[in-house]
C-alpha cells in the first residue's frame, strides 16, 4: 500500500513510512501543492495511493463520489 500524505501532514514523515509503506509520498513531493482536493483525489486514484489527511474534506468527497479505489 502506498500512502499519499495531504498538505496538512509534513513531508518529513515520508522517510519514516518507507519501510512499511514503500513508494509513499506527500502532495508537495508529487507537485500538487497548489492543487485542489479533487486534483489530489484523482492523482491518488490514478497512481494507486491511499490518501492520509487530518481534515474532513476527503471524507466528504467519498460521500459524494463513493469510496476511493482502495
PDB file of N, CA and C in Angstrom:
ATOM      1  N   UNK A   1       0.838  -1.167   0.000  1.00  0.00           N
ATOM      2  CA  UNK A   1       0.000   0.000   0.000  1.00  0.00           C
ATOM      3  C   UNK A   1       0.891   1.242   0.000  1.00  0.00           C
ATOM      4  N   UNK A   2       0.568   2.186  -0.874  1.00  0.00           N
ATOM      5  CA  UNK A   2       1.277   3.458  -0.952  1.00  0.00           C
ATOM      6  C   UNK A   2       0.412   4.542  -0.333  1.00  0.00           C
ATOM      7  N   UNK A   3       0.994   5.322   0.564  1.00  0.00           N
ATOM      8  CA  UNK A   3       0.269   6.401   1.210  1.00  0.00           C
ATOM      9  C   UNK A   3       0.606   7.727   0.549  1.00  0.00           C
ATOM     10  N   UNK A   4      -0.394   8.585   0.421  1.00  0.00           N
ATOM     11  CA  UNK A   4      -0.191   9.948  -0.055  1.00  0.00           C
ATOM     12  C   UNK A   4      -0.628  10.872   1.068  1.00  0.00           C
ATOM     13  N   UNK A   5       0.337  11.531   1.692  1.00  0.00           N
ATOM     14  CA  UNK A   5       0.045  12.441   2.800  1.00  0.00           C
ATOM     15  C   UNK A   5      -0.456  13.768   2.250  1.00  0.00           C
ATOM     16  N   UNK A   6      -1.534  14.249   2.808  1.00  0.00           N
ATOM     17  CA  UNK A   6      -2.094  15.540   2.418  1.00  0.00           C
ATOM     18  C   UNK A   6      -1.155  16.651   2.892  1.00  0.00           C
ATOM     19  N   UNK A   7      -1.415  17.868   2.415  1.00  0.00           N
ATOM     20  CA  UNK A   7      -0.574  19.012   2.776  1.00  0.00           C
ATOM     21  C   UNK A   7      -0.528  19.273   4.270  1.00  0.00           C
ATOM     22  N   UNK A   8      -1.559  18.857   4.994  1.00  0.00           N
ATOM     23  CA  UNK A   8      -1.592  19.124   6.430  1.00  0.00           C
ATOM     24  C   UNK A   8      -0.723  18.151   7.228  1.00  0.00           C
ATOM     25  N   UNK A   9      -0.054  17.241   6.547  1.00  0.00           N
ATOM     26  CA  UNK A   9       0.902  16.327   7.181  1.00  0.00           C
ATOM     27  C   UNK A   9       2.279  16.573   6.568  1.00  0.00           C
ATOM     28  N   UNK A  10       3.274  16.644   7.394  1.00  0.00           N
ATOM     29  CA  UNK A  10       4.618  17.006   6.966  1.00  0.00           C
ATOM     30  C   UNK A  10       5.238  15.984   6.022  1.00  0.00           C
ATOM     31  N   UNK A  11       5.917  16.498   4.996  1.00  0.00           N
ATOM     32  CA  UNK A  11       6.649  15.609   4.078  1.00  0.00           C
ATOM     33  C   UNK A  11       7.836  14.953   4.777  1.00  0.00           C
ATOM     34  N   UNK A  12       8.224  15.476   5.943  1.00  0.00           N
ATOM     35  CA  UNK A  12       9.320  14.866   6.700  1.00  0.00           C
ATOM     36  C   UNK A  12       8.932  13.508   7.270  1.00  0.00           C
ATOM     37  N   UNK A  13       7.650  13.176   7.256  1.00  0.00           N
ATOM     38  CA  UNK A  13       7.190  11.860   7.716  1.00  0.00           C
ATOM     39  C   UNK A  13       7.457  10.755   6.693  1.00  0.00           C
ATOM     40  N   UNK A  14       7.570  11.130   5.432  1.00  0.00           N
ATOM     41  CA  UNK A  14       7.682  10.144   4.349  1.00  0.00           C
ATOM     42  C   UNK A  14       8.834   9.158   4.559  1.00  0.00           C
ATOM     43  N   UNK A  15      10.054   9.593   4.888  1.00  0.00           N
ATOM     44  CA  UNK A  15      11.128   8.605   5.077  1.00  0.00           C
ATOM     45  C   UNK A  15      10.842   7.588   6.178  1.00  0.00           C
ATOM     46  N   UNK A  16      10.107   8.001   7.198  1.00  0.00           N
ATOM     47  CA  UNK A  16       9.782   7.083   8.286  1.00  0.00           C
ATOM     48  C   UNK A  16       8.737   6.043   7.879  1.00  0.00           C
ATOM     49  N   UNK A  17       7.989   6.331   6.838  1.00  0.00           N
ATOM     50  CA  UNK A  17       6.945   5.419   6.363  1.00  0.00           C
ATOM     51  C   UNK A  17       7.443   4.418   5.326  1.00  0.00           C
ATOM     52  N   UNK A  18       8.605   4.699   4.724  1.00  0.00           N
ATOM     53  CA  UNK A  18       9.072   3.913   3.587  1.00  0.00           C
ATOM     54  C   UNK A  18       9.266   2.428   3.888  1.00  0.00           C
ATOM     55  N   UNK A  19       9.671   2.078   5.080  1.00  0.00           N
ATOM     56  CA  UNK A  19       9.897   0.664   5.403  1.00  0.00           C
ATOM     57  C   UNK A  19       8.588  -0.119   5.333  1.00  0.00           C
ATOM     58  N   UNK A  20       7.539   0.406   5.942  1.00  0.00           N
ATOM     59  CA  UNK A  20       6.256  -0.293   5.985  1.00  0.00           C
ATOM     60  C   UNK A  20       5.350   0.031   4.796  1.00  0.00           C
ATOM     61  N   UNK A  21       5.531   1.207   4.213  1.00  0.00           N
ATOM     62  CA  UNK A  21       4.698   1.648   3.092  1.00  0.00           C
ATOM     63  C   UNK A  21       5.580   2.202   1.975  1.00  0.00           C
ATOM     64  N   UNK A  22       6.278   1.315   1.255  1.00  0.00           N
ATOM     65  CA  UNK A  22       7.185   1.757   0.192  1.00  0.00           C
ATOM     66  C   UNK A  22       6.454   2.587  -0.866  1.00  0.00           C
ATOM     67  N   UNK A  23       7.167   3.522  -1.437  1.00  0.00           N
ATOM     68  CA  UNK A  23       6.670   4.403  -2.508  1.00  0.00           C
ATOM     69  C   UNK A  23       5.632   5.410  -2.016  1.00  0.00           C
ATOM     70  N   UNK A  24       5.515   5.581  -0.710  1.00  0.00           N
ATOM     71  CA  UNK A  24       4.610   6.600  -0.180  1.00  0.00           C
ATOM     72  C   UNK A  24       5.186   7.975  -0.469  1.00  0.00           C
ATOM     73  N   UNK A  25       4.320   8.977  -0.450  1.00  0.00           N
ATOM     74  CA  UNK A  25       4.748  10.328  -0.786  1.00  0.00           C
ATOM     75  C   UNK A  25       3.853  11.339  -0.071  1.00  0.00           C
ATOM     76  N   UNK A  26       4.066  12.592  -0.413  1.00  0.00           N
ATOM     77  CA  UNK A  26       3.291  13.695   0.150  1.00  0.00           C
ATOM     78  C   UNK A  26       2.923  14.600  -1.012  1.00  0.00           C
ATOM     79  N   UNK A  27       1.805  15.311  -0.925  1.00  0.00           N
ATOM     80  CA  UNK A  27       1.312  16.060  -2.076  1.00  0.00           C
ATOM     81  C   UNK A  27       2.322  17.069  -2.628  1.00  0.00           C
ATOM     82  N   UNK A  28       3.092  17.713  -1.777  1.00  0.00           N
ATOM     83  CA  UNK A  28       4.099  18.664  -2.254  1.00  0.00           C
ATOM     84  C   UNK A  28       5.163  17.941  -3.071  1.00  0.00           C
ATOM     85  N   UNK A  29       5.557  16.761  -2.621  1.00  0.00           N
ATOM     86  CA  UNK A  29       6.560  15.975  -3.351  1.00  0.00           C
ATOM     87  C   UNK A  29       6.027  15.475  -4.687  1.00  0.00           C
ATOM     88  N   UNK A  30       4.702  15.395  -4.820  1.00  0.00           N
ATOM     89  CA  UNK A  30       4.064  14.958  -6.059  1.00  0.00           C
ATOM     90  C   UNK A  30       3.725  16.138  -6.974  1.00  0.00           C
ATOM     91  N   UNK A  31       4.100  17.356  -6.564  1.00  0.00           N
ATOM     92  CA  UNK A  31       3.836  18.540  -7.379  1.00  0.00           C
ATOM     93  C   UNK A  31       2.405  19.039  -7.296  1.00  0.00           C
ATOM     94  N   UNK A  32       1.717  18.703  -6.223  1.00  0.00           N
ATOM     95  CA  UNK A  32       0.307  19.076  -6.083  1.00  0.00           C
ATOM     96  C   UNK A  32       0.079  20.121  -5.001  1.00  0.00           C
ATOM     97  N   UNK A  33       1.109  20.898  -4.642  1.00  0.00           N
ATOM     98  CA  UNK A  33       0.978  21.830  -3.527  1.00  0.00           C
ATOM     99  C   UNK A  33      -0.096  22.889  -3.761  1.00  0.00           C
ATOM    100  N   UNK A  34      -0.397  23.234  -4.980  1.00  0.00           N
ATOM    101  CA  UNK A  34      -1.452  24.215  -5.230  1.00  0.00           C
ATOM    102  C   UNK A  34      -2.699  23.552  -5.813  1.00  0.00           C
ATOM    103  N   UNK A  35      -2.726  22.234  -5.794  1.00  0.00           N
ATOM    104  CA  UNK A  35      -3.861  21.512  -6.357  1.00  0.00           C
ATOM    105  C   UNK A  35      -5.055  21.485  -5.424  1.00  0.00           C
ATOM    106  N   UNK A  36      -6.213  21.332  -6.022  1.00  0.00           N
ATOM    107  CA  UNK A  36      -7.439  21.230  -5.239  1.00  0.00           C
ATOM    108  C   UNK A  36      -7.560  19.833  -4.639  1.00  0.00           C
ATOM    109  N   UNK A  37      -8.514  19.663  -3.750  1.00  0.00           N
ATOM    110  CA  UNK A  37      -8.755  18.333  -3.189  1.00  0.00           C
ATOM    111  C   UNK A  37      -9.116  17.349  -4.291  1.00  0.00           C
ATOM    112  N   UNK A  38      -9.835  17.812  -5.292  1.00  0.00           N
ATOM    113  CA  UNK A  38     -10.194  16.957  -6.423  1.00  0.00           C
ATOM    114  C   UNK A  38      -8.950  16.520  -7.188  1.00  0.00           C
ATOM    115  N   UNK A  39      -8.000  17.434  -7.379  1.00  0.00           N
ATOM    116  CA  UNK A  39      -6.738  17.085  -8.051  1.00  0.00           C
ATOM    117  C   UNK A  39      -5.987  16.016  -7.270  1.00  0.00           C
ATOM    118  N   UNK A  40      -5.925  16.187  -5.947  1.00  0.00           N
ATOM    119  CA  UNK A  40      -5.235  15.220  -5.089  1.00  0.00           C
ATOM    120  C   UNK A  40      -5.943  13.872  -5.158  1.00  0.00           C
ATOM    121  N   UNK A  41      -7.272  13.879  -5.080  1.00  0.00           N
ATOM    122  CA  UNK A  41      -8.084  12.658  -5.143  1.00  0.00           C
ATOM    123  C   UNK A  41      -7.806  11.908  -6.449  1.00  0.00           C
ATOM    124  N   UNK A  42      -7.861  12.634  -7.564  1.00  0.00           N
ATOM    125  CA  UNK A  42      -7.646  11.997  -8.872  1.00  0.00           C
ATOM    126  C   UNK A  42      -6.225  11.471  -9.021  1.00  0.00           C
ATOM    127  N   UNK A  43      -5.247  12.215  -8.517  1.00  0.00           N
ATOM    128  CA  UNK A  43      -3.853  11.768  -8.571  1.00  0.00           C
ATOM    129  C   UNK A  43      -3.680  10.483  -7.755  1.00  0.00           C
ATOM    130  N   UNK A  44      -4.260  10.463  -6.579  1.00  0.00           N
ATOM    131  CA  UNK A  44      -4.165   9.273  -5.733  1.00  0.00           C
ATOM    132  C   UNK A  44      -4.805   8.071  -6.418  1.00  0.00           C
ATOM    133  N   UNK A  45      -5.953   8.277  -7.007  1.00  0.00           N
ATOM    134  CA  UNK A  45      -6.652   7.185  -7.695  1.00  0.00           C
ATOM    135  C   UNK A  45      -5.840   6.683  -8.885  1.00  0.00           C
ATOM    136  N   UNK A  46      -5.312   7.606  -9.675  1.00  0.00           N
ATOM    137  CA  UNK A  46      -4.552   7.242 -10.879  1.00  0.00           C
ATOM    138  C   UNK A  46      -3.269   6.493 -10.546  1.00  0.00           C
ATOM    139  N   UNK A  47      -2.618   6.858  -9.433  1.00  0.00           N
ATOM    140  CA  UNK A  47      -1.306   6.303  -9.104  1.00  0.00           C
ATOM    141  C   UNK A  47      -1.336   5.275  -7.968  1.00  0.00           C
ATOM    142  N   UNK A  48      -2.517   4.886  -7.541  1.00  0.00           N
ATOM    143  CA  UNK A  48      -2.640   3.817  -6.551  1.00  0.00           C
ATOM    144  C   UNK A  48      -2.296   4.193  -5.128  1.00  0.00           C
ATOM    145  N   UNK A  49      -2.496   5.460  -4.768  1.00  0.00           N
ATOM    146  CA  UNK A  49      -2.229   5.919  -3.411  1.00  0.00           C
ATOM    147  C   UNK A  49      -3.478   5.820  -2.540  1.00  0.00           C
ATOM    148  N   UNK A  50      -3.261   5.700  -1.254  1.00  0.00           N
ATOM    149  CA  UNK A  50      -4.301   5.868  -0.252  1.00  0.00           C
ATOM    150  C   UNK A  50      -4.036   7.218   0.408  1.00  0.00           C
ATOM    151  N   UNK A  51      -5.039   8.076   0.445  1.00  0.00           N
ATOM    152  CA  UNK A  51      -4.865   9.424   0.992  1.00  0.00           C
ATOM    153  C   UNK A  51      -4.921   9.384   2.515  1.00  0.00           C
ATOM    154  N   UNK A  52      -3.943  10.057   3.132  1.00  0.00           N
ATOM    155  CA  UNK A  52      -3.895  10.211   4.588  1.00  0.00           C
ATOM    156  C   UNK A  52      -3.993  11.703   4.874  1.00  0.00           C
ATOM    157  N   UNK A  53      -4.976  12.088   5.672  1.00  0.00           N
ATOM    158  CA  UNK A  53      -5.211  13.502   5.938  1.00  0.00           C
ATOM    159  C   UNK A  53      -5.728  13.697   7.354  1.00  0.00           C
ATOM    160  N   UNK A  54      -5.712  14.954   7.795  1.00  0.00           N
ATOM    161  CA  UNK A  54      -6.247  15.289   9.113  1.00  0.00           C
ATOM    162  C   UNK A  54      -7.542  16.087   9.011  1.00  0.00           C
ATOM    163  N   UNK A  55      -8.010  16.361   7.803  1.00  0.00           N
ATOM    164  CA  UNK A  55      -9.249  17.119   7.675  1.00  0.00           C
ATOM    165  C   UNK A  55     -10.368  16.266   7.086  1.00  0.00           C
ATOM    166  N   UNK A  56     -11.556  16.803   7.076  1.00  0.00           N
ATOM    167  CA  UNK A  56     -12.741  16.039   6.664  1.00  0.00           C
ATOM    168  C   UNK A  56     -13.070  16.182   5.181  1.00  0.00           C
ATOM    169  N   UNK A  57     -12.301  16.975   4.443  1.00  0.00           N
ATOM    170  CA  UNK A  57     -12.622  17.221   3.040  1.00  0.00           C
ATOM    171  C   UNK A  57     -12.720  15.937   2.216  1.00  0.00           C
ATOM    172  N   UNK A  58     -11.776  15.035   2.397  1.00  0.00           N
ATOM    173  CA  UNK A  58     -11.771  13.813   1.591  1.00  0.00           C
ATOM    174  C   UNK A  58     -12.875  12.852   2.021  1.00  0.00           C
ATOM    175  N   UNK A  59     -13.244  12.894   3.285  1.00  0.00           N
ATOM    176  CA  UNK A  59     -14.382  12.088   3.723  1.00  0.00           C
ATOM    177  C   UNK A  59     -15.652  12.579   3.037  1.00  0.00           C
ATOM    178  N   UNK A  60     -15.798  13.889   2.934  1.00  0.00           N
ATOM    179  CA  UNK A  60     -16.960  14.452   2.251  1.00  0.00           C
ATOM    180  C   UNK A  60     -16.959  14.087   0.776  1.00  0.00           C
ATOM    181  N   UNK A  61     -15.788  14.114   0.137  1.00  0.00           N
ATOM    182  CA  UNK A  61     -15.703  13.694  -1.266  1.00  0.00           C
ATOM    183  C   UNK A  61     -16.114  12.235  -1.424  1.00  0.00           C
ATOM    184  N   UNK A  62     -15.711  11.391  -0.490  1.00  0.00           N
ATOM    185  CA  UNK A  62     -16.056   9.976  -0.603  1.00  0.00           C
ATOM    186  C   UNK A  62     -17.557   9.752  -0.445  1.00  0.00           C
ATOM    187  N   UNK A  63     -18.223  10.617   0.311  1.00  0.00           N
ATOM    188  CA  UNK A  63     -19.678  10.509   0.438  1.00  0.00           C
ATOM    189  C   UNK A  63     -20.376  10.888  -0.870  1.00  0.00           C
ATOM    190  N   UNK A  64     -19.784  11.841  -1.594  1.00  0.00           N
ATOM    191  CA  UNK A  64     -20.360  12.280  -2.860  1.00  0.00           C
ATOM    192  C   UNK A  64     -20.001  11.318  -3.995  1.00  0.00           C
ATOM    193  N   UNK A  65     -18.732  10.925  -4.097  1.00  0.00           N
ATOM    194  CA  UNK A  65     -18.236  10.142  -5.223  1.00  0.00           C
ATOM    195  C   UNK A  65     -18.096   8.646  -4.914  1.00  0.00           C
ATOM    196  N   UNK A  66     -18.359   8.260  -3.691  1.00  0.00           N
ATOM    197  CA  UNK A  66     -18.110   6.875  -3.298  1.00  0.00           C
ATOM    198  C   UNK A  66     -16.690   6.735  -2.811  1.00  0.00           C
ATOM    199  N   UNK A  67     -16.401   5.636  -2.160  1.00  0.00           N
ATOM    200  CA  UNK A  67     -15.048   5.468  -1.599  1.00  0.00           C
ATOM    201  C   UNK A  67     -13.995   5.372  -2.712  1.00  0.00           C
ATOM    202  N   UNK A  68     -12.771   5.772  -2.381  1.00  0.00           N
ATOM    203  CA  UNK A  68     -11.692   5.613  -3.351  1.00  0.00           C
ATOM    204  C   UNK A  68     -11.466   4.135  -3.653  1.00  0.00           C
ATOM    205  N   UNK A  69     -10.642   3.865  -4.624  1.00  0.00           N
ATOM    206  CA  UNK A  69     -10.454   2.502  -5.109  1.00  0.00           C
ATOM    207  C   UNK A  69      -9.829   1.572  -4.086  1.00  0.00           C
ATOM    208  N   UNK A  70      -9.197   2.074  -3.031  1.00  0.00           N
ATOM    209  CA  UNK A  70      -8.591   1.201  -2.011  1.00  0.00           C
ATOM    210  C   UNK A  70      -9.231   1.470  -0.681  1.00  0.00           C
TER     211      UNK A  70
END
